């Protein structure tokens, strides 16, 4: 009987214990019966490619967003500088020798990135370093009904393209989903059940 555990998609803070967790692994697989999907998600969000694409897109649409905050104005006026600051924050935030001033600077830079990332999402989603995507409603019934709708679940593309193939290849008999249930974990459970109807899923 094959058992695997999967963590809930959540905030970046859970990834700050190991610098390697902020890098994209070339080989994505279940290790020690555990699939760290939050690691996979954040490593994609904070990849050079995603950061660059997000900043460029925000700069392009900034003129139609109305009044920008001071932080947003900074991104628009110096996108390359912000890109370099963000890469620096990503790489050094967990350095134990980082002083307090630099630590808060890194956190602020990551928060600004999440702020502009949110501006590119549907209005009912917010993206933060402490929670990842979260919705204005946390109704379990609503999440169950909407978790497979692309306009309702911003995790859906990531789950279908990255997470689901790994789980299906692993062919588990039992899946444990760790953490507080959210629209991401509902989608994982529902999609896996569609493909592997005999699998037992516990949350």
N, C-alpha and C. Protein backbone atom coordinates (compact mmCIF):
# COMPACT_ATOMS: atom_id res chain seq x y z
N UNK A 1 0.85 -1.20 0.00
CA UNK A 1 0.00 0.00 0.00
C UNK A 1 0.89 1.25 0.00
N UNK A 2 0.66 2.12 -0.95
CA UNK A 2 1.50 3.32 -1.07
C UNK A 2 0.79 4.51 -0.45
N UNK A 3 1.47 5.17 0.47
CA UNK A 3 0.93 6.34 1.16
C UNK A 3 1.83 7.54 0.89
N UNK A 4 1.24 8.67 0.51
CA UNK A 4 2.02 9.90 0.38
C UNK A 4 1.33 11.03 1.13
N UNK A 5 2.12 11.96 1.59
CA UNK A 5 1.61 13.18 2.24
C UNK A 5 1.87 14.37 1.33
N UNK A 6 0.93 15.30 1.33
CA UNK A 6 1.04 16.51 0.53
C UNK A 6 0.73 17.69 1.45
N UNK A 7 1.52 18.74 1.37
CA UNK A 7 1.22 19.91 2.20
C UNK A 7 0.25 20.85 1.48
N UNK A 8 -0.39 21.71 2.25
CA UNK A 8 -1.31 22.69 1.69
C UNK A 8 -0.52 23.83 1.04
N UNK A 9 -1.06 24.37 -0.03
CA UNK A 9 -0.48 25.57 -0.63
C UNK A 9 -0.74 26.74 0.30
N UNK A 10 0.34 27.38 0.73
CA UNK A 10 0.18 28.45 1.73
C UNK A 10 1.28 29.49 1.55
N UNK A 11 1.74 30.08 2.64
CA UNK A 11 2.65 31.21 2.57
C UNK A 11 4.11 30.84 2.38
N UNK A 12 4.88 31.86 2.10
CA UNK A 12 6.33 31.70 1.89
C UNK A 12 7.05 31.41 3.19
N UNK A 13 6.49 31.81 4.33
CA UNK A 13 7.21 31.68 5.60
C UNK A 13 7.61 30.24 5.88
N UNK A 14 6.82 29.27 5.40
CA UNK A 14 7.17 27.87 5.61
C UNK A 14 8.37 27.43 4.79
N UNK A 15 8.77 28.24 3.82
CA UNK A 15 9.89 27.90 2.95
C UNK A 15 11.20 28.52 3.41
N UNK A 16 11.19 29.24 4.51
CA UNK A 16 12.37 30.02 4.89
C UNK A 16 13.33 29.28 5.82
N UNK A 17 13.11 27.99 5.99
CA UNK A 17 13.99 27.24 6.87
C UNK A 17 15.20 26.67 6.15
N UNK A 18 15.16 26.65 4.83
CA UNK A 18 16.22 26.04 4.04
C UNK A 18 16.37 26.81 2.74
N UNK A 19 17.53 27.40 2.54
CA UNK A 19 17.73 28.24 1.35
C UNK A 19 17.45 27.48 0.05
N UNK A 20 17.76 26.18 0.04
CA UNK A 20 17.55 25.40 -1.17
C UNK A 20 16.07 25.33 -1.56
N UNK A 21 15.20 25.52 -0.59
CA UNK A 21 13.77 25.42 -0.88
C UNK A 21 13.28 26.57 -1.75
N UNK A 22 14.05 27.64 -1.86
CA UNK A 22 13.64 28.76 -2.69
C UNK A 22 14.15 28.63 -4.12
N UNK A 23 14.83 27.52 -4.41
CA UNK A 23 15.32 27.30 -5.76
C UNK A 23 14.48 26.23 -6.43
N UNK A 24 14.40 26.29 -7.75
CA UNK A 24 13.64 25.30 -8.50
C UNK A 24 14.46 24.02 -8.64
N UNK A 25 13.90 22.90 -8.21
CA UNK A 25 14.57 21.62 -8.38
C UNK A 25 14.42 21.14 -9.82
N UNK A 26 15.48 20.61 -10.38
CA UNK A 26 15.39 20.10 -11.75
C UNK A 26 14.51 18.86 -11.80
N UNK A 27 14.60 18.03 -10.76
CA UNK A 27 13.80 16.81 -10.73
C UNK A 27 12.72 16.96 -9.67
N UNK A 28 11.47 16.87 -10.11
CA UNK A 28 10.35 17.02 -9.20
C UNK A 28 9.77 15.64 -8.93
N UNK A 29 9.74 15.25 -7.66
CA UNK A 29 9.28 13.91 -7.33
C UNK A 29 8.82 13.83 -5.87
N UNK A 30 8.20 12.70 -5.55
CA UNK A 30 7.83 12.41 -4.17
C UNK A 30 9.08 11.91 -3.46
N UNK A 31 9.44 12.54 -2.35
CA UNK A 31 10.63 12.12 -1.60
C UNK A 31 10.21 11.71 -0.20
N UNK A 32 10.62 10.52 0.21
CA UNK A 32 10.27 9.99 1.52
C UNK A 32 8.76 10.04 1.76
N UNK A 33 8.01 9.68 0.73
CA UNK A 33 6.53 9.65 0.79
C UNK A 33 5.92 11.03 1.02
N UNK A 34 6.64 12.07 0.65
CA UNK A 34 6.14 13.43 0.84
C UNK A 34 6.33 14.25 -0.43
N UNK A 35 5.26 14.95 -0.85
CA UNK A 35 5.33 15.86 -1.99
C UNK A 35 5.12 17.27 -1.49
N UNK A 36 6.17 18.07 -1.55
CA UNK A 36 6.14 19.43 -1.02
C UNK A 36 5.64 20.39 -2.11
N UNK A 37 4.31 20.46 -2.27
CA UNK A 37 3.76 21.28 -3.36
C UNK A 37 3.90 22.77 -3.07
N UNK A 38 4.00 23.15 -1.79
CA UNK A 38 4.19 24.57 -1.49
C UNK A 38 5.58 25.04 -1.93
N UNK A 39 6.55 24.17 -1.74
CA UNK A 39 7.91 24.45 -2.23
C UNK A 39 7.89 24.63 -3.75
N UNK A 40 7.21 23.72 -4.44
CA UNK A 40 7.14 23.80 -5.90
C UNK A 40 6.48 25.10 -6.35
N UNK A 41 5.40 25.47 -5.66
CA UNK A 41 4.67 26.68 -6.03
C UNK A 41 5.53 27.92 -5.85
N UNK A 42 6.13 28.09 -4.68
CA UNK A 42 6.91 29.30 -4.42
C UNK A 42 8.18 29.34 -5.25
N UNK A 43 8.77 28.20 -5.54
CA UNK A 43 9.96 28.21 -6.39
C UNK A 43 9.61 28.68 -7.80
N UNK A 44 8.38 28.39 -8.25
CA UNK A 44 7.95 28.89 -9.55
C UNK A 44 7.62 30.38 -9.49
N UNK A 45 6.90 30.78 -8.44
CA UNK A 45 6.52 32.20 -8.30
C UNK A 45 7.75 33.08 -8.21
N UNK A 46 8.78 32.61 -7.52
CA UNK A 46 9.99 33.42 -7.33
C UNK A 46 11.12 33.04 -8.28
N UNK A 47 10.77 32.40 -9.37
CA UNK A 47 11.77 32.14 -10.40
C UNK A 47 12.09 33.45 -11.11
N UNK A 48 13.26 33.54 -11.68
CA UNK A 48 13.65 34.75 -12.42
C UNK A 48 12.62 35.06 -13.51
N UNK A 49 12.17 34.02 -14.19
CA UNK A 49 11.24 34.21 -15.30
C UNK A 49 9.92 34.82 -14.83
N UNK A 50 9.35 34.27 -13.76
CA UNK A 50 8.07 34.77 -13.26
C UNK A 50 8.20 36.18 -12.71
N UNK A 51 9.28 36.43 -11.98
CA UNK A 51 9.50 37.77 -11.43
C UNK A 51 9.60 38.79 -12.56
N UNK A 52 10.40 38.48 -13.57
CA UNK A 52 10.58 39.40 -14.70
C UNK A 52 9.26 39.63 -15.43
N UNK A 53 8.53 38.56 -15.68
CA UNK A 53 7.25 38.68 -16.40
C UNK A 53 6.24 39.50 -15.60
N UNK A 54 6.19 39.30 -14.30
CA UNK A 54 5.25 40.02 -13.43
C UNK A 54 5.56 41.51 -13.41
N UNK A 55 6.84 41.85 -13.23
CA UNK A 55 7.24 43.26 -13.19
C UNK A 55 6.92 43.93 -14.53
N UNK A 56 7.29 43.29 -15.62
CA UNK A 56 7.06 43.87 -16.95
C UNK A 56 5.57 44.08 -17.22
N UNK A 57 4.76 43.10 -16.85
CA UNK A 57 3.32 43.22 -17.09
C UNK A 57 2.73 44.33 -16.23
N UNK A 58 3.19 44.44 -14.99
CA UNK A 58 2.68 45.49 -14.11
C UNK A 58 3.03 46.87 -14.66
N UNK A 59 4.25 47.03 -15.12
CA UNK A 59 4.67 48.30 -15.71
C UNK A 59 3.79 48.64 -16.91
N UNK A 60 3.49 47.64 -17.73
CA UNK A 60 2.68 47.86 -18.94
C UNK A 60 1.26 48.34 -18.61
N UNK A 61 0.68 47.78 -17.53
CA UNK A 61 -0.73 48.13 -17.22
C UNK A 61 -0.84 49.25 -16.19
N UNK A 62 0.28 49.73 -15.68
CA UNK A 62 0.26 50.70 -14.58
C UNK A 62 -0.51 51.97 -14.92
N UNK A 63 -0.49 52.37 -16.18
CA UNK A 63 -1.15 53.62 -16.56
C UNK A 63 -2.67 53.56 -16.46
N UNK A 64 -3.22 52.35 -16.42
CA UNK A 64 -4.69 52.22 -16.34
C UNK A 64 -5.16 51.80 -14.95
N UNK A 65 -4.24 51.77 -13.99
CA UNK A 65 -4.59 51.30 -12.65
C UNK A 65 -5.04 52.43 -11.72
N UNK A 66 -5.00 53.66 -12.19
CA UNK A 66 -5.36 54.77 -11.32
C UNK A 66 -4.17 55.17 -10.46
N UNK A 67 -4.46 55.68 -9.28
CA UNK A 67 -3.41 56.15 -8.38
C UNK A 67 -2.60 54.99 -7.84
N UNK A 68 -1.29 55.05 -8.01
CA UNK A 68 -0.40 54.00 -7.52
C UNK A 68 0.16 54.38 -6.15
N UNK A 69 0.41 53.36 -5.33
CA UNK A 69 1.06 53.59 -4.05
C UNK A 69 2.51 54.00 -4.30
N UNK A 70 3.16 54.48 -3.26
CA UNK A 70 4.58 54.88 -3.39
C UNK A 70 5.42 53.69 -3.83
N UNK A 71 5.12 52.52 -3.26
CA UNK A 71 5.88 51.32 -3.60
C UNK A 71 5.67 50.93 -5.07
N UNK A 72 4.42 51.05 -5.53
CA UNK A 72 4.13 50.71 -6.92
C UNK A 72 4.78 51.70 -7.88
N UNK A 73 4.80 52.98 -7.49
CA UNK A 73 5.48 53.98 -8.31
C UNK A 73 6.97 53.66 -8.44
N UNK A 74 7.55 53.16 -7.36
CA UNK A 74 8.96 52.78 -7.37
C UNK A 74 9.20 51.66 -8.38
N UNK A 75 8.34 50.65 -8.39
CA UNK A 75 8.49 49.54 -9.34
C UNK A 75 8.42 50.04 -10.77
N UNK A 76 7.45 50.92 -11.05
CA UNK A 76 7.26 51.43 -12.41
C UNK A 76 8.44 52.30 -12.84
N UNK A 77 8.96 53.08 -11.92
CA UNK A 77 10.04 54.01 -12.27
C UNK A 77 11.40 53.33 -12.38
N UNK A 78 11.58 52.20 -11.66
CA UNK A 78 12.89 51.53 -11.68
C UNK A 78 12.71 50.01 -11.68
N UNK A 79 12.12 49.46 -12.74
CA UNK A 79 11.82 48.02 -12.76
C UNK A 79 13.06 47.13 -12.66
N UNK A 80 14.15 47.53 -13.29
CA UNK A 80 15.37 46.72 -13.23
C UNK A 80 15.98 46.71 -11.83
N UNK A 81 15.94 47.87 -11.19
CA UNK A 81 16.45 47.97 -9.82
C UNK A 81 15.61 47.11 -8.88
N UNK A 82 14.28 47.17 -9.07
CA UNK A 82 13.40 46.37 -8.23
C UNK A 82 13.62 44.88 -8.48
N UNK A 83 13.82 44.51 -9.72
CA UNK A 83 14.10 43.10 -10.04
C UNK A 83 15.34 42.62 -9.28
N UNK A 84 16.40 43.40 -9.31
CA UNK A 84 17.64 43.01 -8.64
C UNK A 84 17.45 42.95 -7.12
N UNK A 85 16.68 43.90 -6.58
CA UNK A 85 16.40 43.90 -5.13
C UNK A 85 15.61 42.66 -4.74
N UNK A 86 14.67 42.27 -5.60
CA UNK A 86 13.84 41.11 -5.30
C UNK A 86 14.64 39.82 -5.33
N UNK A 87 15.52 39.68 -6.30
CA UNK A 87 16.39 38.51 -6.36
C UNK A 87 17.29 38.46 -5.13
N UNK A 88 17.79 39.62 -4.73
CA UNK A 88 18.63 39.71 -3.53
C UNK A 88 17.84 39.29 -2.29
N UNK A 89 16.60 39.77 -2.19
CA UNK A 89 15.75 39.42 -1.04
C UNK A 89 15.48 37.92 -1.02
N UNK A 90 15.14 37.37 -2.16
CA UNK A 90 14.85 35.93 -2.26
C UNK A 90 16.06 35.10 -1.82
N UNK A 91 17.24 35.50 -2.25
CA UNK A 91 18.44 34.71 -1.98
C UNK A 91 18.99 34.88 -0.57
N UNK A 92 18.69 36.02 0.07
CA UNK A 92 19.37 36.33 1.33
C UNK A 92 18.48 36.44 2.56
N UNK A 93 17.17 36.32 2.39
CA UNK A 93 16.28 36.54 3.53
C UNK A 93 16.50 35.53 4.65
N UNK A 94 16.96 34.34 4.30
CA UNK A 94 17.14 33.32 5.35
C UNK A 94 18.57 33.23 5.85
N UNK A 95 19.43 34.10 5.37
CA UNK A 95 20.82 34.11 5.84
C UNK A 95 20.85 34.49 7.32
N UNK A 96 21.38 33.60 8.15
CA UNK A 96 21.35 33.84 9.60
C UNK A 96 22.19 35.05 10.00
N UNK A 97 23.07 35.51 9.12
CA UNK A 97 23.91 36.66 9.43
C UNK A 97 23.27 37.98 8.99
N UNK A 98 22.06 37.89 8.40
CA UNK A 98 21.37 39.10 7.96
C UNK A 98 20.99 39.96 9.15
N UNK A 99 21.34 41.24 9.11
CA UNK A 99 20.96 42.12 10.23
C UNK A 99 19.50 42.54 10.11
N UNK A 100 19.01 43.15 11.18
CA UNK A 100 17.59 43.48 11.26
C UNK A 100 17.15 44.43 10.15
N UNK A 101 17.97 45.42 9.86
CA UNK A 101 17.61 46.40 8.83
C UNK A 101 17.43 45.75 7.47
N UNK A 102 18.38 44.88 7.10
CA UNK A 102 18.29 44.20 5.81
C UNK A 102 17.14 43.19 5.78
N UNK A 103 16.91 42.52 6.90
CA UNK A 103 15.82 41.56 6.97
C UNK A 103 14.48 42.24 6.67
N UNK A 104 14.22 43.37 7.31
CA UNK A 104 12.97 44.09 7.07
C UNK A 104 12.91 44.62 5.63
N UNK A 105 14.04 44.98 5.08
CA UNK A 105 14.08 45.42 3.69
C UNK A 105 13.69 44.28 2.75
N UNK A 106 14.20 43.08 3.03
CA UNK A 106 13.86 41.92 2.22
C UNK A 106 12.36 41.61 2.30
N UNK A 107 11.83 41.65 3.52
CA UNK A 107 10.40 41.38 3.72
C UNK A 107 9.56 42.41 2.98
N UNK A 108 9.95 43.68 3.08
CA UNK A 108 9.21 44.74 2.39
C UNK A 108 9.26 44.54 0.88
N UNK A 109 10.41 44.16 0.34
CA UNK A 109 10.55 43.94 -1.10
C UNK A 109 9.66 42.80 -1.56
N UNK A 110 9.63 41.71 -0.81
CA UNK A 110 8.77 40.57 -1.15
C UNK A 110 7.29 40.96 -1.04
N UNK A 111 6.96 41.77 -0.05
CA UNK A 111 5.58 42.25 0.08
C UNK A 111 5.17 43.11 -1.11
N UNK A 112 6.08 43.95 -1.58
CA UNK A 112 5.78 44.78 -2.76
C UNK A 112 5.54 43.89 -3.97
N UNK A 113 6.36 42.85 -4.12
CA UNK A 113 6.16 41.93 -5.24
C UNK A 113 4.78 41.28 -5.17
N UNK A 114 4.40 40.84 -3.97
CA UNK A 114 3.07 40.22 -3.80
C UNK A 114 1.96 41.23 -4.11
N UNK A 115 2.20 42.49 -3.78
CA UNK A 115 1.22 43.54 -4.05
C UNK A 115 0.99 43.71 -5.55
N UNK A 116 2.08 43.76 -6.31
CA UNK A 116 1.90 43.95 -7.75
C UNK A 116 1.40 42.66 -8.41
N UNK A 117 1.78 41.52 -7.85
CA UNK A 117 1.28 40.24 -8.35
C UNK A 117 -0.23 40.19 -8.19
N UNK A 118 -0.73 40.69 -7.05
CA UNK A 118 -2.18 40.71 -6.79
C UNK A 118 -2.92 41.57 -7.80
N UNK A 119 -2.27 42.66 -8.25
CA UNK A 119 -2.92 43.57 -9.20
C UNK A 119 -3.18 42.89 -10.55
N UNK A 120 -2.51 41.78 -10.80
CA UNK A 120 -2.67 41.07 -12.07
C UNK A 120 -3.68 39.92 -11.95
N UNK A 121 -4.30 39.81 -10.76
CA UNK A 121 -5.26 38.73 -10.50
C UNK A 121 -6.69 39.27 -10.56
N UNK A 122 -7.68 38.35 -10.67
CA UNK A 122 -9.07 38.79 -10.52
C UNK A 122 -9.27 39.47 -9.17
N UNK A 123 -10.22 40.36 -9.10
CA UNK A 123 -10.40 41.22 -7.92
C UNK A 123 -10.69 40.46 -6.63
N UNK A 124 -11.20 39.24 -6.73
CA UNK A 124 -11.57 38.52 -5.51
C UNK A 124 -10.41 37.73 -4.91
N UNK A 125 -9.19 37.90 -5.43
CA UNK A 125 -8.03 37.22 -4.89
C UNK A 125 -6.99 38.20 -4.39
N UNK A 126 -6.33 37.82 -3.32
CA UNK A 126 -5.22 38.59 -2.77
C UNK A 126 -4.04 37.62 -2.65
N UNK A 127 -2.84 38.12 -2.93
CA UNK A 127 -1.64 37.29 -2.85
C UNK A 127 -0.68 37.89 -1.85
N UNK A 128 -0.28 37.11 -0.84
CA UNK A 128 0.61 37.61 0.20
C UNK A 128 1.70 36.60 0.52
N UNK A 129 2.79 37.09 1.13
CA UNK A 129 3.86 36.16 1.47
C UNK A 129 3.47 35.26 2.64
N UNK A 130 2.51 35.67 3.45
CA UNK A 130 2.16 34.84 4.60
C UNK A 130 1.07 33.82 4.32
N UNK A 131 0.27 34.02 3.25
CA UNK A 131 -0.80 33.08 2.97
C UNK A 131 -0.81 32.55 1.53
N UNK A 132 -0.02 33.11 0.64
CA UNK A 132 -0.16 32.76 -0.76
C UNK A 132 -1.45 33.38 -1.28
N UNK A 133 -2.18 32.65 -2.12
CA UNK A 133 -3.48 33.13 -2.58
C UNK A 133 -4.51 32.92 -1.48
N UNK A 134 -5.30 33.94 -1.21
CA UNK A 134 -6.46 33.71 -0.36
C UNK A 134 -7.62 34.52 -0.88
N UNK A 135 -8.80 34.02 -0.58
CA UNK A 135 -10.02 34.56 -1.14
C UNK A 135 -10.76 35.40 -0.10
N UNK A 136 -11.70 36.19 -0.60
CA UNK A 136 -12.53 36.98 0.31
C UNK A 136 -13.50 36.09 1.08
N UNK A 137 -13.74 34.88 0.58
CA UNK A 137 -14.62 33.93 1.25
C UNK A 137 -13.87 32.64 1.51
N UNK A 138 -14.04 32.07 2.71
CA UNK A 138 -13.41 30.80 3.05
C UNK A 138 -14.45 29.71 3.28
N UNK A 139 -15.63 29.85 2.70
CA UNK A 139 -16.69 28.86 2.84
C UNK A 139 -16.26 27.54 2.21
N UNK A 140 -16.29 26.45 3.00
CA UNK A 140 -15.91 25.13 2.48
C UNK A 140 -16.82 24.72 1.34
N UNK A 141 -18.11 24.99 1.46
CA UNK A 141 -19.06 24.64 0.41
C UNK A 141 -18.73 25.38 -0.89
N UNK A 142 -18.42 26.66 -0.76
CA UNK A 142 -18.09 27.46 -1.94
C UNK A 142 -16.79 26.99 -2.57
N UNK A 143 -15.78 26.68 -1.74
CA UNK A 143 -14.50 26.22 -2.28
C UNK A 143 -14.66 24.89 -3.01
N UNK A 144 -15.50 24.01 -2.45
CA UNK A 144 -15.74 22.71 -3.08
C UNK A 144 -16.40 22.90 -4.45
N UNK A 145 -17.34 23.84 -4.52
CA UNK A 145 -18.07 24.08 -5.76
C UNK A 145 -17.21 24.80 -6.81
N UNK A 146 -16.30 25.66 -6.36
CA UNK A 146 -15.56 26.53 -7.27
C UNK A 146 -14.10 26.13 -7.51
N UNK A 147 -13.62 25.09 -6.82
CA UNK A 147 -12.18 24.81 -6.85
C UNK A 147 -11.66 24.40 -8.23
N UNK A 148 -12.53 23.91 -9.11
CA UNK A 148 -12.08 23.51 -10.45
C UNK A 148 -12.44 24.53 -11.52
N UNK A 149 -12.83 25.73 -11.08
CA UNK A 149 -13.13 26.80 -12.03
C UNK A 149 -11.92 27.75 -12.08
N UNK A 150 -11.39 27.96 -13.27
CA UNK A 150 -10.16 28.74 -13.41
C UNK A 150 -10.29 30.16 -12.88
N UNK A 151 -11.46 30.79 -13.07
CA UNK A 151 -11.64 32.17 -12.61
C UNK A 151 -11.80 32.24 -11.09
N UNK A 152 -12.05 31.10 -10.45
CA UNK A 152 -12.24 31.07 -9.00
C UNK A 152 -11.03 30.56 -8.26
N UNK A 153 -10.16 29.83 -8.94
CA UNK A 153 -9.02 29.20 -8.27
C UNK A 153 -7.72 29.54 -9.00
N UNK A 154 -6.96 30.51 -8.50
CA UNK A 154 -5.71 30.89 -9.18
C UNK A 154 -4.61 29.83 -9.05
N UNK A 155 -4.81 28.83 -8.18
CA UNK A 155 -3.85 27.73 -8.08
C UNK A 155 -4.08 26.66 -9.15
N UNK A 156 -5.22 26.71 -9.84
CA UNK A 156 -5.65 25.59 -10.67
C UNK A 156 -4.65 25.22 -11.76
N UNK A 157 -4.13 26.20 -12.47
CA UNK A 157 -3.17 25.91 -13.54
C UNK A 157 -1.93 25.21 -12.98
N UNK A 158 -1.42 25.71 -11.88
CA UNK A 158 -0.25 25.11 -11.23
C UNK A 158 -0.55 23.66 -10.83
N UNK A 159 -1.72 23.43 -10.26
CA UNK A 159 -2.08 22.09 -9.80
C UNK A 159 -2.19 21.12 -10.97
N UNK A 160 -2.90 21.54 -12.03
CA UNK A 160 -3.10 20.62 -13.16
C UNK A 160 -1.81 20.37 -13.93
N UNK A 161 -0.96 21.39 -14.05
CA UNK A 161 0.25 21.25 -14.85
C UNK A 161 1.43 20.66 -14.09
N UNK A 162 1.51 20.94 -12.79
CA UNK A 162 2.68 20.52 -12.02
C UNK A 162 2.38 19.43 -11.00
N UNK A 163 1.35 19.64 -10.20
CA UNK A 163 1.09 18.74 -9.07
C UNK A 163 0.44 17.42 -9.50
N UNK A 164 -0.63 17.52 -10.27
CA UNK A 164 -1.39 16.32 -10.62
C UNK A 164 -0.55 15.25 -11.34
N UNK A 165 0.27 15.63 -12.34
CA UNK A 165 1.08 14.59 -13.01
C UNK A 165 2.01 13.83 -12.06
N UNK A 166 2.57 14.53 -11.06
CA UNK A 166 3.47 13.88 -10.11
C UNK A 166 2.70 12.87 -9.26
N UNK A 167 1.50 13.26 -8.81
CA UNK A 167 0.68 12.37 -7.99
C UNK A 167 0.25 11.15 -8.80
N UNK A 168 -0.19 11.37 -10.02
CA UNK A 168 -0.64 10.26 -10.86
C UNK A 168 0.50 9.28 -11.16
N UNK A 169 1.68 9.81 -11.37
CA UNK A 169 2.84 8.95 -11.62
C UNK A 169 3.18 8.13 -10.39
N UNK A 170 2.95 8.71 -9.21
CA UNK A 170 3.25 8.02 -7.96
C UNK A 170 2.25 6.90 -7.66
N UNK A 171 1.02 7.03 -8.15
CA UNK A 171 -0.04 6.03 -7.97
C UNK A 171 -0.25 5.65 -6.50
N UNK A 172 -0.59 6.62 -5.66
CA UNK A 172 -0.79 6.30 -4.24
C UNK A 172 -2.12 5.60 -3.98
N UNK A 173 -2.16 4.87 -2.87
CA UNK A 173 -3.42 4.28 -2.39
C UNK A 173 -4.08 5.20 -1.37
N UNK A 174 -3.24 5.92 -0.62
CA UNK A 174 -3.73 6.83 0.42
C UNK A 174 -2.96 8.14 0.32
N UNK A 175 -3.68 9.26 0.43
CA UNK A 175 -3.06 10.59 0.43
C UNK A 175 -3.49 11.33 1.68
N UNK A 176 -2.53 11.87 2.39
CA UNK A 176 -2.79 12.76 3.52
C UNK A 176 -2.46 14.18 3.09
N UNK A 177 -3.40 15.09 3.24
CA UNK A 177 -3.15 16.50 2.92
C UNK A 177 -2.98 17.26 4.23
N UNK A 178 -1.78 17.78 4.46
CA UNK A 178 -1.46 18.47 5.71
C UNK A 178 -1.84 19.95 5.61
N UNK A 179 -2.17 20.53 6.75
CA UNK A 179 -2.41 21.97 6.81
C UNK A 179 -3.88 22.32 6.75
N UNK A 180 -4.14 23.63 6.85
CA UNK A 180 -5.51 24.13 6.83
C UNK A 180 -6.06 24.02 5.41
N UNK A 181 -7.22 23.39 5.23
CA UNK A 181 -7.79 23.25 3.88
C UNK A 181 -8.06 24.61 3.24
N UNK A 182 -7.76 24.71 1.95
CA UNK A 182 -8.08 25.91 1.19
C UNK A 182 -8.49 25.50 -0.22
N UNK A 183 -8.72 26.46 -1.08
CA UNK A 183 -9.22 26.13 -2.42
C UNK A 183 -8.22 25.29 -3.20
N UNK A 184 -6.94 25.44 -2.88
CA UNK A 184 -5.92 24.63 -3.53
C UNK A 184 -6.02 23.17 -3.14
N UNK A 185 -6.16 22.89 -1.85
CA UNK A 185 -6.23 21.50 -1.41
C UNK A 185 -7.53 20.84 -1.85
N UNK A 186 -8.62 21.62 -1.92
CA UNK A 186 -9.88 21.08 -2.44
C UNK A 186 -9.69 20.65 -3.90
N UNK A 187 -9.00 21.47 -4.68
CA UNK A 187 -8.77 21.16 -6.09
C UNK A 187 -7.90 19.92 -6.25
N UNK A 188 -6.85 19.81 -5.45
CA UNK A 188 -5.98 18.64 -5.51
C UNK A 188 -6.79 17.37 -5.25
N UNK A 189 -7.57 17.40 -4.17
CA UNK A 189 -8.36 16.22 -3.80
C UNK A 189 -9.37 15.85 -4.89
N UNK A 190 -10.05 16.84 -5.42
CA UNK A 190 -11.08 16.58 -6.42
C UNK A 190 -10.48 16.04 -7.72
N UNK A 191 -9.40 16.64 -8.18
CA UNK A 191 -8.76 16.21 -9.42
C UNK A 191 -8.17 14.81 -9.29
N UNK A 192 -7.55 14.52 -8.15
CA UNK A 192 -6.98 13.19 -7.95
C UNK A 192 -8.08 12.14 -7.93
N UNK A 193 -9.19 12.45 -7.26
CA UNK A 193 -10.32 11.51 -7.19
C UNK A 193 -10.90 11.22 -8.57
N UNK A 194 -10.89 12.22 -9.44
CA UNK A 194 -11.39 12.01 -10.80
C UNK A 194 -10.51 11.01 -11.56
N UNK A 195 -9.21 11.08 -11.34
CA UNK A 195 -8.27 10.22 -12.07
C UNK A 195 -8.02 8.90 -11.36
N UNK A 196 -8.04 8.94 -10.01
CA UNK A 196 -7.79 7.73 -9.21
C UNK A 196 -8.97 7.55 -8.24
N UNK A 197 -10.08 7.05 -8.72
CA UNK A 197 -11.29 6.99 -7.87
C UNK A 197 -11.17 6.12 -6.64
N UNK A 198 -10.21 5.19 -6.63
CA UNK A 198 -10.07 4.28 -5.48
C UNK A 198 -9.13 4.81 -4.41
N UNK A 199 -8.49 5.94 -4.67
CA UNK A 199 -7.57 6.47 -3.68
C UNK A 199 -8.34 7.03 -2.48
N UNK A 200 -7.78 6.85 -1.29
CA UNK A 200 -8.37 7.41 -0.06
C UNK A 200 -7.63 8.69 0.29
N UNK A 201 -8.37 9.78 0.48
CA UNK A 201 -7.75 11.07 0.76
C UNK A 201 -8.21 11.56 2.13
N UNK A 202 -7.27 11.93 2.96
CA UNK A 202 -7.56 12.42 4.30
C UNK A 202 -6.94 13.80 4.47
N UNK A 203 -7.66 14.68 5.16
CA UNK A 203 -7.16 16.03 5.38
C UNK A 203 -7.17 16.39 6.85
